Amino acid sequence: MVVHHVFFVNLLMGIVSGGLGSFIGTSAEVALVRIRREEGILRLWRSVIPTVTWAMIFNAVHMPTYSQAKQSLTSTDIMRHDFPLHVVVSLIAASVTTAVSLPVDIVKTLY
């Protein structure tokens, strides 16, 4: 039961941190793309919804996947808790996260 609790806490932390971070950073990202146009201050947040959605999905998938993969590999004695474990777990988390968040990233880029 504790493992499920930790997983959902990581999931929630990923959603919150991704949402807040992308909400704050959206204007800077858009400003870089539209620096030469004069569209007004409110246009800086034009893509805030797709960006926040992408970041929430990205973090909601990445953080729990990393933790769960690490816990699974160490609890079954497949790997020891050292550098190779972190490399393998990072690759697993990155692959899953990319597969899940890529469609939203494409929409974000087109917005």
PDB file of N, CA and C in Angstrom:
ATOM      1  N   MET A   1       0.823  -1.197   0.000  1.00  0.00           N
ATOM      2  CA  MET A   1       0.000   0.000   0.000  1.00  0.00           C
ATOM      3  C   MET A   1       0.866   1.260   0.000  1.00  0.00           C
ATOM      4  N   VAL A   2       2.011   1.201   0.678  1.00  0.00           N
ATOM      5  CA  VAL A   2       2.895   2.366   0.747  1.00  0.00           C
ATOM      6  C   VAL A   2       3.464   2.692  -0.625  1.00  0.00           C
ATOM      7  N   VAL A   3       3.781   1.650  -1.431  1.00  0.00           N
ATOM      8  CA  VAL A   3       4.330   1.878  -2.762  1.00  0.00           C
ATOM      9  C   VAL A   3       3.339   2.644  -3.619  1.00  0.00           C
ATOM     10  N   HIS A   4       2.060   2.296  -3.556  1.00  0.00           N
ATOM     11  CA  HIS A   4       1.043   3.010  -4.322  1.00  0.00           C
ATOM     12  C   HIS A   4       0.924   4.457  -3.852  1.00  0.00           C
ATOM     13  N   HIS A   5       1.031   4.672  -2.546  1.00  0.00           N
ATOM     14  CA  HIS A   5       0.958   6.024  -1.999  1.00  0.00           C
ATOM     15  C   HIS A   5       2.115   6.872  -2.534  1.00  0.00           C
ATOM     16  N   VAL A   6       3.319   6.328  -2.516  1.00  0.00           N
ATOM     17  CA  VAL A   6       4.497   7.051  -3.005  1.00  0.00           C
ATOM     18  C   VAL A   6       4.352   7.348  -4.493  1.00  0.00           C
ATOM     19  N   PHE A   7       3.863   6.383  -5.256  1.00  0.00           N
ATOM     20  CA  PHE A   7       3.665   6.585  -6.688  1.00  0.00           C
ATOM     21  C   PHE A   7       2.720   7.747  -6.948  1.00  0.00           C
ATOM     22  N   PHE A   8       1.586   7.788  -6.254  1.00  0.00           N
ATOM     23  CA  PHE A   8       0.614   8.856  -6.487  1.00  0.00           C
ATOM     24  C   PHE A   8       1.096  10.207  -5.959  1.00  0.00           C
ATOM     25  N   VAL A   9       1.891  10.208  -4.907  1.00  0.00           N
ATOM     26  CA  VAL A   9       2.494  11.462  -4.437  1.00  0.00           C
ATOM     27  C   VAL A   9       3.459  11.981  -5.498  1.00  0.00           C
ATOM     28  N   ASN A  10       4.286  11.094  -6.066  1.00  0.00           N
ATOM     29  CA  ASN A  10       5.189  11.503  -7.149  1.00  0.00           C
ATOM     30  C   ASN A  10       4.415  11.995  -8.360  1.00  0.00           C
ATOM     31  N   LEU A  11       3.324  11.323  -8.684  1.00  0.00           N
ATOM     32  CA  LEU A  11       2.483  11.732  -9.794  1.00  0.00           C
ATOM     33  C   LEU A  11       1.934  13.134  -9.568  1.00  0.00           C
ATOM     34  N   LEU A  12       1.402  13.381  -8.389  1.00  0.00           N
ATOM     35  CA  LEU A  12       0.852  14.696  -8.061  1.00  0.00           C
ATOM     36  C   LEU A  12       1.934  15.769  -8.059  1.00  0.00           C
ATOM     37  N   MET A  13       3.094  15.455  -7.497  1.00  0.00           N
ATOM     38  CA  MET A  13       4.196  16.423  -7.486  1.00  0.00           C
ATOM     39  C   MET A  13       4.641  16.755  -8.904  1.00  0.00           C
ATOM     40  N   GLY A  14       4.648  15.767  -9.781  1.00  0.00           N
ATOM     41  CA  GLY A  14       5.011  16.005 -11.173  1.00  0.00           C
ATOM     42  C   GLY A  14       4.023  16.912 -11.871  1.00  0.00           C
ATOM     43  N   ILE A  15       2.738  16.683 -11.633  1.00  0.00           N
ATOM     44  CA  ILE A  15       1.707  17.516 -12.250  1.00  0.00           C
ATOM     45  C   ILE A  15       1.823  18.961 -11.774  1.00  0.00           C
ATOM     46  N   VAL A  16       1.945  19.147 -10.476  1.00  0.00           N
ATOM     47  CA  VAL A  16       2.010  20.500  -9.911  1.00  0.00           C
ATOM     48  C   VAL A  16       3.278  21.229 -10.363  1.00  0.00           C
ATOM     49  N   SER A  17       4.422  20.574 -10.259  1.00  0.00           N
ATOM     50  CA  SER A  17       5.674  21.247 -10.629  1.00  0.00           C
ATOM     51  C   SER A  17       5.724  21.541 -12.123  1.00  0.00           C
ATOM     52  N   GLY A  18       5.245  20.617 -12.933  1.00  0.00           N
ATOM     53  CA  GLY A  18       5.220  20.865 -14.374  1.00  0.00           C
ATOM     54  C   GLY A  18       4.284  21.988 -14.746  1.00  0.00           C
ATOM     55  N   GLY A  19       3.113  21.996 -14.141  1.00  0.00           N
ATOM     56  CA  GLY A  19       2.149  23.048 -14.433  1.00  0.00           C
ATOM     57  C   GLY A  19       2.632  24.425 -14.029  1.00  0.00           C
ATOM     58  N   LEU A  20       3.143  24.535 -12.808  1.00  0.00           N
ATOM     59  CA  LEU A  20       3.629  25.846 -12.338  1.00  0.00           C
ATOM     60  C   LEU A  20       4.856  26.317 -13.111  1.00  0.00           C
ATOM     61  N   GLY A  21       5.790  25.410 -13.322  1.00  0.00           N
ATOM     62  CA  GLY A  21       7.013  25.786 -14.048  1.00  0.00           C
ATOM     63  C   GLY A  21       6.722  26.236 -15.464  1.00  0.00           C
ATOM     64  N   SER A  22       5.848  25.526 -16.150  1.00  0.00           N
ATOM     65  CA  SER A  22       5.549  25.913 -17.529  1.00  0.00           C
ATOM     66  C   SER A  22       4.693  27.170 -17.592  1.00  0.00           C
ATOM     67  N   PHE A  23       3.810  27.371 -16.615  1.00  0.00           N
ATOM     68  CA  PHE A  23       3.013  28.588 -16.601  1.00  0.00           C
ATOM     69  C   PHE A  23       3.914  29.809 -16.466  1.00  0.00           C
ATOM     70  N   ILE A  24       4.891  29.712 -15.595  1.00  0.00           N
ATOM     71  CA  ILE A  24       5.818  30.825 -15.386  1.00  0.00           C
ATOM     72  C   ILE A  24       6.735  31.001 -16.591  1.00  0.00           C
ATOM     73  N   GLY A  25       7.176  29.896 -17.187  1.00  0.00           N
ATOM     74  CA  GLY A  25       8.134  29.971 -18.283  1.00  0.00           C
ATOM     75  C   GLY A  25       7.548  30.195 -19.657  1.00  0.00           C
ATOM     76  N   THR A  26       6.235  30.100 -19.800  1.00  0.00           N
ATOM     77  CA  THR A  26       5.621  30.238 -21.118  1.00  0.00           C
ATOM     78  C   THR A  26       5.924  31.581 -21.758  1.00  0.00           C
ATOM     79  N   SER A  27       5.833  32.651 -21.019  1.00  0.00           N
ATOM     80  CA  SER A  27       6.062  33.970 -21.611  1.00  0.00           C
ATOM     81  C   SER A  27       7.481  34.107 -22.139  1.00  0.00           C
ATOM     82  N   ALA A  28       8.458  33.543 -21.436  1.00  0.00           N
ATOM     83  CA  ALA A  28       9.844  33.615 -21.920  1.00  0.00           C
ATOM     84  C   ALA A  28      10.015  32.806 -23.198  1.00  0.00           C
ATOM     85  N   GLU A  29       9.403  31.634 -23.260  1.00  0.00           N
ATOM     86  CA  GLU A  29       9.506  30.799 -24.458  1.00  0.00           C
ATOM     87  C   GLU A  29       8.862  31.485 -25.655  1.00  0.00           C
ATOM     88  N   VAL A  30       7.685  32.029 -25.440  1.00  0.00           N
ATOM     89  CA  VAL A  30       6.984  32.704 -26.530  1.00  0.00           C
ATOM     90  C   VAL A  30       7.723  33.981 -26.926  1.00  0.00           C
ATOM     91  N   ALA A  31       8.281  34.684 -25.964  1.00  0.00           N
ATOM     92  CA  ALA A  31       9.021  35.912 -26.268  1.00  0.00           C
ATOM     93  C   ALA A  31      10.208  35.626 -27.173  1.00  0.00           C
ATOM     94  N   LEU A  32      10.868  34.514 -26.958  1.00  0.00           N
ATOM     95  CA  LEU A  32      11.993  34.163 -27.818  1.00  0.00           C
ATOM     96  C   LEU A  32      11.552  33.914 -29.256  1.00  0.00           C
ATOM     97  N   VAL A  33      10.403  33.297 -29.416  1.00  0.00           N
ATOM     98  CA  VAL A  33       9.901  32.989 -30.754  1.00  0.00           C
ATOM     99  C   VAL A  33       9.357  34.232 -31.437  1.00  0.00           C
ATOM    100  N   ARG A  34       8.701  35.078 -30.673  1.00  0.00           N
ATOM    101  CA  ARG A  34       8.011  36.236 -31.260  1.00  0.00           C
ATOM    102  C   ARG A  34       8.664  37.561 -30.915  1.00  0.00           C
ATOM    103  N   ILE A  35       9.942  37.559 -30.672  1.00  0.00           N
ATOM    104  CA  ILE A  35      10.642  38.751 -30.200  1.00  0.00           C
ATOM    105  C   ILE A  35      10.573  39.900 -31.215  1.00  0.00           C
ATOM    106  N   ARG A  36      10.476  39.588 -32.475  1.00  0.00           N
ATOM    107  CA  ARG A  36      10.496  40.636 -33.494  1.00  0.00           C
ATOM    108  C   ARG A  36       9.113  41.203 -33.795  1.00  0.00           C
ATOM    109  N   ARG A  37       8.077  40.539 -33.352  1.00  0.00           N
ATOM    110  CA  ARG A  37       6.723  41.026 -33.626  1.00  0.00           C
ATOM    111  C   ARG A  37       6.188  41.795 -32.434  1.00  0.00           C
ATOM    112  N   GLU A  38       5.335  42.730 -32.699  1.00  0.00           N
ATOM    113  CA  GLU A  38       4.694  43.479 -31.618  1.00  0.00           C
ATOM    114  C   GLU A  38       3.243  43.003 -31.521  1.00  0.00           C
ATOM    115  N   GLU A  39       2.994  42.097 -30.596  1.00  0.00           N
ATOM    116  CA  GLU A  39       1.662  41.513 -30.466  1.00  0.00           C
ATOM    117  C   GLU A  39       0.994  41.878 -29.153  1.00  0.00           C
ATOM    118  N   GLY A  40       1.654  42.613 -28.299  1.00  0.00           N
ATOM    119  CA  GLY A  40       1.068  42.969 -27.017  1.00  0.00           C
ATOM    120  C   GLY A  40       1.437  41.978 -25.924  1.00  0.00           C
ATOM    121  N   ILE A  41       1.364  42.433 -24.692  1.00  0.00           N
ATOM    122  CA  ILE A  41       1.816  41.653 -23.543  1.00  0.00           C
ATOM    123  C   ILE A  41       0.980  40.386 -23.329  1.00  0.00           C
ATOM    124  N   LEU A  42      -0.325  40.442 -23.587  1.00  0.00           N
ATOM    125  CA  LEU A  42      -1.179  39.275 -23.359  1.00  0.00           C
ATOM    126  C   LEU A  42      -0.887  38.149 -24.350  1.00  0.00           C
ATOM    127  N   ARG A  43      -0.350  38.484 -25.515  1.00  0.00           N
ATOM    128  CA  ARG A  43      -0.023  37.456 -26.506  1.00  0.00           C
ATOM    129  C   ARG A  43       1.147  36.590 -26.051  1.00  0.00           C
ATOM    130  N   LEU A  44       1.889  37.039 -25.045  1.00  0.00           N
ATOM    131  CA  LEU A  44       2.991  36.225 -24.533  1.00  0.00           C
ATOM    132  C   LEU A  44       2.485  34.927 -23.922  1.00  0.00           C
ATOM    133  N   TRP A  45       1.243  34.922 -23.471  1.00  0.00           N
ATOM    134  CA  TRP A  45       0.666  33.721 -22.860  1.00  0.00           C
ATOM    135  C   TRP A  45      -0.292  33.002 -23.805  1.00  0.00           C
ATOM    136  N   ARG A  46      -0.154  33.219 -25.099  1.00  0.00           N
ATOM    137  CA  ARG A  46      -1.053  32.609 -26.075  1.00  0.00           C
ATOM    138  C   ARG A  46      -1.028  31.085 -25.992  1.00  0.00           C
ATOM    139  N   SER A  47       0.138  30.511 -25.840  1.00  0.00           N
ATOM    140  CA  SER A  47       0.244  29.048 -25.841  1.00  0.00           C
ATOM    141  C   SER A  47       0.362  28.466 -24.436  1.00  0.00           C
ATOM    142  N   VAL A  48      -0.131  29.192 -23.451  1.00  0.00           N
ATOM    143  CA  VAL A  48       0.028  28.733 -22.073  1.00  0.00           C
ATOM    144  C   VAL A  48      -0.708  27.410 -21.823  1.00  0.00           C
ATOM    145  N   ILE A  49      -1.878  27.224 -22.384  1.00  0.00           N
ATOM    146  CA  ILE A  49      -2.637  25.993 -22.116  1.00  0.00           C
ATOM    147  C   ILE A  49      -1.936  24.767 -22.699  1.00  0.00           C
ATOM    148  N   PRO A  50      -1.499  24.783 -23.966  1.00  0.00           N
ATOM    149  CA  PRO A  50      -0.775  23.611 -24.452  1.00  0.00           C
ATOM    150  C   PRO A  50       0.558  23.396 -23.727  1.00  0.00           C
ATOM    151  N   THR A  51       1.232  24.470 -23.352  1.00  0.00           N
ATOM    152  CA  THR A  51       2.514  24.336 -22.666  1.00  0.00           C
ATOM    153  C   THR A  51       2.327  23.765 -21.269  1.00  0.00           C
ATOM    154  N   VAL A  52       1.349  24.258 -20.541  1.00  0.00           N
ATOM    155  CA  VAL A  52       1.074  23.751 -19.194  1.00  0.00           C
ATOM    156  C   VAL A  52       0.626  22.290 -19.275  1.00  0.00           C
ATOM    157  N   THR A  53      -0.220  21.980 -20.247  1.00  0.00           N
ATOM    158  CA  THR A  53      -0.679  20.599 -20.417  1.00  0.00           C
ATOM    159  C   THR A  53       0.500  19.671 -20.689  1.00  0.00           C
ATOM    160  N   TRP A  54       1.383  20.076 -21.599  1.00  0.00           N
ATOM    161  CA  TRP A  54       2.555  19.266 -21.916  1.00  0.00           C
ATOM    162  C   TRP A  54       3.430  19.055 -20.682  1.00  0.00           C
ATOM    163  N   ALA A  55       3.705  20.115 -19.950  1.00  0.00           N
ATOM    164  CA  ALA A  55       4.582  20.007 -18.780  1.00  0.00           C
ATOM    165  C   ALA A  55       3.967  19.140 -17.690  1.00  0.00           C
ATOM    166  N   MET A  56       2.657  19.251 -17.513  1.00  0.00           N
ATOM    167  CA  MET A  56       1.997  18.428 -16.501  1.00  0.00           C
ATOM    168  C   MET A  56       2.054  16.951 -16.889  1.00  0.00           C
ATOM    169  N   ILE A  57       1.800  16.653 -18.153  1.00  0.00           N
ATOM    170  CA  ILE A  57       1.884  15.268 -18.617  1.00  0.00           C
ATOM    171  C   ILE A  57       3.315  14.765 -18.527  1.00  0.00           C
ATOM    172  N   PHE A  58       4.262  15.582 -18.978  1.00  0.00           N
ATOM    173  CA  PHE A  58       5.675  15.200 -18.954  1.00  0.00           C
ATOM    174  C   PHE A  58       6.120  14.845 -17.540  1.00  0.00           C
ATOM    175  N   ASN A  59       5.869  15.727 -16.600  1.00  0.00           N
ATOM    176  CA  ASN A  59       6.308  15.493 -15.225  1.00  0.00           C
ATOM    177  C   ASN A  59       5.494  14.406 -14.532  1.00  0.00           C
ATOM    178  N   ALA A  60       4.209  14.326 -14.853  1.00  0.00           N
ATOM    179  CA  ALA A  60       3.380  13.288 -14.247  1.00  0.00           C
ATOM    180  C   ALA A  60       3.825  11.899 -14.688  1.00  0.00           C
ATOM    181  N   VAL A  61       4.378  11.781 -15.876  1.00  0.00           N
ATOM    182  CA  VAL A  61       4.859  10.489 -16.368  1.00  0.00           C
ATOM    183  C   VAL A  61       6.314  10.253 -15.948  1.00  0.00           C
ATOM    184  N   HIS A  62       7.150  11.262 -16.084  1.00  0.00           N
ATOM    185  CA  HIS A  62       8.588  11.076 -15.860  1.00  0.00           C
ATOM    186  C   HIS A  62       8.940  10.749 -14.410  1.00  0.00           C
ATOM    187  N   MET A  63       8.447  11.525 -13.486  1.00  0.00           N
ATOM    188  CA  MET A  63       8.836  11.333 -12.089  1.00  0.00           C
ATOM    189  C   MET A  63       8.407   9.972 -11.531  1.00  0.00           C
ATOM    190  N   PRO A  64       7.138   9.588 -11.687  1.00  0.00           N
ATOM    191  CA  PRO A  64       6.750   8.273 -11.165  1.00  0.00           C
ATOM    192  C   PRO A  64       7.399   7.111 -11.925  1.00  0.00           C
ATOM    193  N   THR A  65       7.594   7.260 -13.238  1.00  0.00           N
ATOM    194  CA  THR A  65       8.223   6.186 -14.006  1.00  0.00           C
ATOM    195  C   THR A  65       9.649   5.959 -13.530  1.00  0.00           C
ATOM    196  N   TYR A  66      10.381   7.035 -13.303  1.00  0.00           N
ATOM    197  CA  TYR A  66      11.756   6.925 -12.807  1.00  0.00           C
ATOM    198  C   TYR A  66      11.768   6.213 -11.451  1.00  0.00           C
ATOM    199  N   SER A  67      10.932   6.666 -10.536  1.00  0.00           N
ATOM    200  CA  SER A  67      10.896   6.083  -9.191  1.00  0.00           C
ATOM    201  C   SER A  67      10.453   4.625  -9.219  1.00  0.00           C
ATOM    202  N   GLN A  68       9.430   4.332 -10.011  1.00  0.00           N
ATOM    203  CA  GLN A  68       8.905   2.974 -10.072  1.00  0.00           C
ATOM    204  C   GLN A  68       9.914   2.019 -10.713  1.00  0.00           C
ATOM    205  N   ALA A  69      10.566   2.450 -11.773  1.00  0.00           N
ATOM    206  CA  ALA A  69      11.559   1.601 -12.432  1.00  0.00           C
ATOM    207  C   ALA A  69      12.739   1.337 -11.500  1.00  0.00           C
ATOM    208  N   LYS A  70      13.178   2.369 -10.796  1.00  0.00           N
ATOM    209  CA  LYS A  70      14.289   2.202  -9.853  1.00  0.00           C
ATOM    210  C   LYS A  70      13.907   1.241  -8.736  1.00  0.00           C
ATOM    211  N   GLN A  71      12.709   1.399  -8.207  1.00  0.00           N
ATOM    212  CA  GLN A  71      12.250   0.534  -7.127  1.00  0.00           C
ATOM    213  C   GLN A  71      12.107  -0.908  -7.616  1.00  0.00           C
ATOM    214  N   SER A  72      11.581  -1.088  -8.818  1.00  0.00           N
ATOM    215  CA  SER A  72      11.394  -2.435  -9.361  1.00  0.00           C
ATOM    216  C   SER A  72      12.720  -3.139  -9.609  1.00  0.00           C
ATOM    217  N   LEU A  73      13.687  -2.422 -10.163  1.00  0.00           N
ATOM    218  CA  LEU A  73      14.982  -3.036 -10.466  1.00  0.00           C
ATOM    219  C   LEU A  73      15.795  -3.355  -9.215  1.00  0.00           C
ATOM    220  N   THR A  74      15.676  -2.513  -8.195  1.00  0.00           N
ATOM    221  CA  THR A  74      16.447  -2.774  -6.972  1.00  0.00           C
ATOM    222  C   THR A  74      15.760  -3.785  -6.055  1.00  0.00           C
ATOM    223  N   SER A  75      14.435  -3.790  -6.021  1.00  0.00           N
ATOM    224  CA  SER A  75      13.740  -4.704  -5.115  1.00  0.00           C
ATOM    225  C   SER A  75      13.805  -6.156  -5.585  1.00  0.00           C
ATOM    226  N   THR A  76      14.000  -6.356  -6.872  1.00  0.00           N
ATOM    227  CA  THR A  76      14.107  -7.720  -7.409  1.00  0.00           C
ATOM    228  C   THR A  76      15.554  -8.148  -7.589  1.00  0.00           C
ATOM    229  N   ASP A  77      16.474  -7.336  -7.104  1.00  0.00           N
ATOM    230  CA  ASP A  77      17.919  -7.605  -7.182  1.00  0.00           C
ATOM    231  C   ASP A  77      18.424  -7.758  -8.614  1.00  0.00           C
ATOM    232  N   ILE A  78      17.734  -7.143  -9.557  1.00  0.00           N
ATOM    233  CA  ILE A  78      18.225  -7.153 -10.935  1.00  0.00           C
ATOM    234  C   ILE A  78      19.445  -6.234 -11.046  1.00  0.00           C
ATOM    235  N   MET A  79      19.415  -5.115 -10.328  1.00  0.00           N
ATOM    236  CA  MET A  79      20.525  -4.162 -10.346  1.00  0.00           C
ATOM    237  C   MET A  79      20.777  -3.663  -8.934  1.00  0.00           C
ATOM    238  N   ARG A  80      22.036  -3.276  -8.701  1.00  0.00           N
ATOM    239  CA  ARG A  80      22.398  -2.648  -7.432  1.00  0.00           C
ATOM    240  C   ARG A  80      22.168  -1.148  -7.534  1.00  0.00           C
ATOM    241  N   HIS A  81      22.123  -0.509  -6.387  1.00  0.00           N
ATOM    242  CA  HIS A  81      21.895   0.936  -6.334  1.00  0.00           C
ATOM    243  C   HIS A  81      23.216   1.659  -6.586  1.00  0.00           C
ATOM    244  N   ASP A  82      23.553   1.828  -7.877  1.00  0.00           N
ATOM    245  CA  ASP A  82      24.775   2.536  -8.253  1.00  0.00           C
ATOM    246  C   ASP A  82      24.561   3.232  -9.600  1.00  0.00           C
ATOM    247  N   PHE A  83      25.622   3.729 -10.187  1.00  0.00           N
ATOM    248  CA  PHE A  83      25.514   4.549 -11.393  1.00  0.00           C
ATOM    249  C   PHE A  83      24.805   3.854 -12.564  1.00  0.00           C
ATOM    250  N   PRO A  84      25.133   2.599 -12.900  1.00  0.00           N
ATOM    251  CA  PRO A  84      24.420   1.954 -14.008  1.00  0.00           C
ATOM    252  C   PRO A  84      22.900   1.883 -13.799  1.00  0.00           C
ATOM    253  N   LEU A  85      22.474   1.731 -12.571  1.00  0.00           N
ATOM    254  CA  LEU A  85      21.041   1.729 -12.286  1.00  0.00           C
ATOM    255  C   LEU A  85      20.407   3.044 -12.725  1.00  0.00           C
ATOM    256  N   HIS A  86      21.041   4.156 -12.378  1.00  0.00           N
ATOM    257  CA  HIS A  86      20.481   5.461 -12.725  1.00  0.00           C
ATOM    258  C   HIS A  86      20.468   5.692 -14.234  1.00  0.00           C
ATOM    259  N   VAL A  87      21.459   5.168 -14.928  1.00  0.00           N
ATOM    260  CA  VAL A  87      21.487   5.297 -16.389  1.00  0.00           C
ATOM    261  C   VAL A  87      20.325   4.518 -17.006  1.00  0.00           C
ATOM    262  N   VAL A  88      20.155   3.273 -16.585  1.00  0.00           N
ATOM    263  CA  VAL A  88      19.078   2.434 -17.125  1.00  0.00           C
ATOM    264  C   VAL A  88      17.714   3.018 -16.784  1.00  0.00           C
ATOM    265  N   VAL A  89      17.538   3.428 -15.549  1.00  0.00           N
ATOM    266  CA  VAL A  89      16.254   3.984 -15.118  1.00  0.00           C
ATOM    267  C   VAL A  89      15.968   5.293 -15.850  1.00  0.00           C
ATOM    268  N   SER A  90      16.976   6.105 -16.069  1.00  0.00           N
ATOM    269  CA  SER A  90      16.787   7.359 -16.817  1.00  0.00           C
ATOM    270  C   SER A  90      16.360   7.076 -18.251  1.00  0.00           C
ATOM    271  N   LEU A  91      16.956   6.069 -18.871  1.00  0.00           N
ATOM    272  CA  LEU A  91      16.574   5.709 -20.237  1.00  0.00           C
ATOM    273  C   LEU A  91      15.133   5.189 -20.297  1.00  0.00           C
ATOM    274  N   ILE A  92      14.753   4.394 -19.324  1.00  0.00           N
ATOM    275  CA  ILE A  92      13.369   3.897 -19.261  1.00  0.00           C
ATOM    276  C   ILE A  92      12.402   5.063 -19.100  1.00  0.00           C
ATOM    277  N   ALA A  93      12.679   5.940 -18.135  1.00  0.00           N
ATOM    278  CA  ALA A  93      11.793   7.080 -17.879  1.00  0.00           C
ATOM    279  C   ALA A  93      11.726   8.014 -19.081  1.00  0.00           C
ATOM    280  N   ALA A  94      12.855   8.261 -19.722  1.00  0.00           N
ATOM    281  CA  ALA A  94      12.879   9.154 -20.884  1.00  0.00           C
ATOM    282  C   ALA A  94      12.087   8.564 -22.049  1.00  0.00           C
ATOM    283  N   SER A  95      12.216   7.269 -22.265  1.00  0.00           N
ATOM    284  CA  SER A  95      11.488   6.622 -23.364  1.00  0.00           C
ATOM    285  C   SER A  95       9.978   6.670 -23.149  1.00  0.00           C
ATOM    286  N   VAL A  96       9.546   6.326 -21.957  1.00  0.00           N
ATOM    287  CA  VAL A  96       8.111   6.338 -21.658  1.00  0.00           C
ATOM    288  C   VAL A  96       7.570   7.763 -21.721  1.00  0.00           C
ATOM    289  N   THR A  97       8.312   8.697 -21.143  1.00  0.00           N
ATOM    290  CA  THR A  97       7.869  10.089 -21.126  1.00  0.00           C
ATOM    291  C   THR A  97       7.757  10.653 -22.532  1.00  0.00           C
ATOM    292  N   THR A  98       8.727  10.362 -23.371  1.00  0.00           N
ATOM    293  CA  THR A  98       8.691  10.855 -24.754  1.00  0.00           C
ATOM    294  C   THR A  98       7.497  10.289 -25.499  1.00  0.00           C
ATOM    295  N   ALA A  99       7.262   9.007 -25.350  1.00  0.00           N
ATOM    296  CA  ALA A  99       6.136   8.376 -26.047  1.00  0.00           C
ATOM    297  C   ALA A  99       4.797   8.982 -25.631  1.00  0.00           C
ATOM    298  N   VAL A 100       4.662   9.296 -24.356  1.00  0.00           N
ATOM    299  CA  VAL A 100       3.388   9.825 -23.860  1.00  0.00           C
ATOM    300  C   VAL A 100       3.221  11.313 -24.151  1.00  0.00           C
ATOM    301  N   SER A 101       4.294  12.090 -24.041  1.00  0.00           N
ATOM    302  CA  SER A 101       4.159  13.544 -24.146  1.00  0.00           C
ATOM    303  C   SER A 101       4.374  14.103 -25.553  1.00  0.00           C
ATOM    304  N   LEU A 102       4.901  13.307 -26.474  1.00  0.00           N
ATOM    305  CA  LEU A 102       5.198  13.813 -27.813  1.00  0.00           C
ATOM    306  C   LEU A 102       3.976  14.361 -28.552  1.00  0.00           C
ATOM    307  N   PRO A 103       2.820  13.708 -28.532  1.00  0.00           N
ATOM    308  CA  PRO A 103       1.672  14.299 -29.233  1.00  0.00           C
ATOM    309  C   PRO A 103       1.296  15.687 -28.710  1.00  0.00           C
ATOM    310  N   VAL A 104       1.360  15.868 -27.412  1.00  0.00           N
ATOM    311  CA  VAL A 104       1.034  17.179 -26.842  1.00  0.00           C
ATOM    312  C   VAL A 104       2.122  18.189 -27.196  1.00  0.00           C
ATOM    313  N   ASP A 105       3.369  17.753 -27.266  1.00  0.00           N
ATOM    314  CA  ASP A 105       4.475  18.635 -27.653  1.00  0.00           C
ATOM    315  C   ASP A 105       4.298  19.125 -29.085  1.00  0.00           C
ATOM    316  N   ILE A 106       3.829  18.270 -29.953  1.00  0.00           N
ATOM    317  CA  ILE A 106       3.579  18.682 -31.333  1.00  0.00           C
ATOM    318  C   ILE A 106       2.478  19.739 -31.400  1.00  0.00           C
ATOM    319  N   VAL A 107       1.413  19.527 -30.648  1.00  0.00           N
ATOM    320  CA  VAL A 107       0.332  20.526 -30.601  1.00  0.00           C
ATOM    321  C   VAL A 107       0.864  21.842 -30.036  1.00  0.00           C
ATOM    322  N   LYS A 108       1.681  21.760 -28.980  1.00  0.00           N
ATOM    323  CA  LYS A 108       2.255  22.954 -28.352  1.00  0.00           C
ATOM    324  C   LYS A 108       3.103  23.737 -29.362  1.00  0.00           C
ATOM    325  N   THR A 109       3.881  23.010 -30.145  1.00  0.00           N
ATOM    326  CA  THR A 109       4.753  23.652 -31.124  1.00  0.00           C
ATOM    327  C   THR A 109       3.950  24.332 -32.237  1.00  0.00           C
ATOM    328  N   LEU A 110       2.846  23.742 -32.618  1.00  0.00           N
ATOM    329  CA  LEU A 110       2.020  24.305 -33.684  1.00  0.00           C
ATOM    330  C   LEU A 110       1.167  25.478 -33.243  1.00  0.00           C
ATOM    331  N   TYR A 111       0.946  25.609 -31.944  1.00  0.00           N
ATOM    332  CA  TYR A 111       0.041  26.629 -31.414  1.00  0.00           C
ATOM    333  C   TYR A 111       0.584  28.015 -31.587  1.00  0.00           C
TER     334      TYR A 111
END
